[in-house]
Amino acid sequence: MTFEDWFKQLTAIATAKGFLNAGDPVRWQEEFDKGLTPQQAWDGDWDLY
């Protein structure tokens, strides 16, 4: 999965929770690089928004 695809999934999670989007993609790159799923990243680091 590319980072773009991963971030689209993360954005879908964020909008489902009432956020306008998932925030700055650069801030989420580290979570992607760690191999976390979008859901794992959101559950652990939602404060990155």
Protein backbone atom coordinates (compact mmCIF):
# COMPACT_ATOMS: atom_id res chain seq x y z
CA MET A 1 0.00 0.00 0.00
CA THR A 2 1.28 3.44 -0.85
CA PHE A 3 1.28 6.27 1.63
CA GLU A 4 -1.39 8.01 -0.47
CA ASP A 5 -3.71 4.99 -0.15
CA TRP A 6 -2.92 4.67 3.55
CA PHE A 7 -3.65 8.35 4.14
CA LYS A 8 -6.97 8.10 2.26
CA GLN A 9 -8.00 5.33 4.65
CA LEU A 10 -6.85 7.40 7.62
CA THR A 11 -8.86 10.36 6.33
CA ALA A 12 -11.96 8.17 6.04
CA ILE A 13 -11.52 7.14 9.69
CA ALA A 14 -11.06 10.77 10.74
CA THR A 15 -14.12 12.03 8.89
CA ALA A 16 -16.23 9.18 10.28
CA LYS A 17 -15.26 10.42 13.75
CA GLY A 18 -16.38 13.97 12.95
CA PHE A 19 -13.10 15.58 11.92
CA LEU A 20 -12.86 17.57 8.69
CA ASN A 21 -9.80 15.56 7.64
CA ALA A 22 -6.85 13.69 9.12
CA GLY A 23 -4.61 16.73 9.38
CA ASP A 24 -1.16 17.21 7.92
CA PRO A 25 0.05 14.11 6.02
CA VAL A 26 3.67 14.86 6.94
CA ARG A 27 2.84 14.34 10.61
CA TRP A 28 1.49 10.85 9.85
CA GLN A 29 4.40 9.63 7.71
CA GLU A 30 6.23 8.17 10.72
CA GLU A 31 3.21 6.03 11.64
CA PHE A 32 3.07 4.72 8.08
CA ASP A 33 6.82 4.02 8.13
CA LYS A 34 6.40 2.01 11.36
CA GLY A 35 4.04 -0.31 9.49
CA LEU A 36 0.94 0.63 11.45
CA THR A 37 -2.45 0.32 9.81
CA PRO A 38 -4.43 3.54 9.49
CA GLN A 39 -6.70 2.36 12.32
CA GLN A 40 -3.74 1.58 14.59
CA ALA A 41 -2.23 4.98 13.85
CA TRP A 42 -5.51 6.76 14.55
CA ASP A 43 -6.14 4.85 17.77
CA GLY A 44 -2.66 5.60 19.08
CA ASP A 45 -2.00 9.12 17.83
CA TRP A 46 -5.25 10.96 17.19
CA ASP A 47 -3.73 13.95 18.95
CA LEU A 48 -1.48 14.53 15.92
CA TYR A 49 -4.45 16.23 14.31
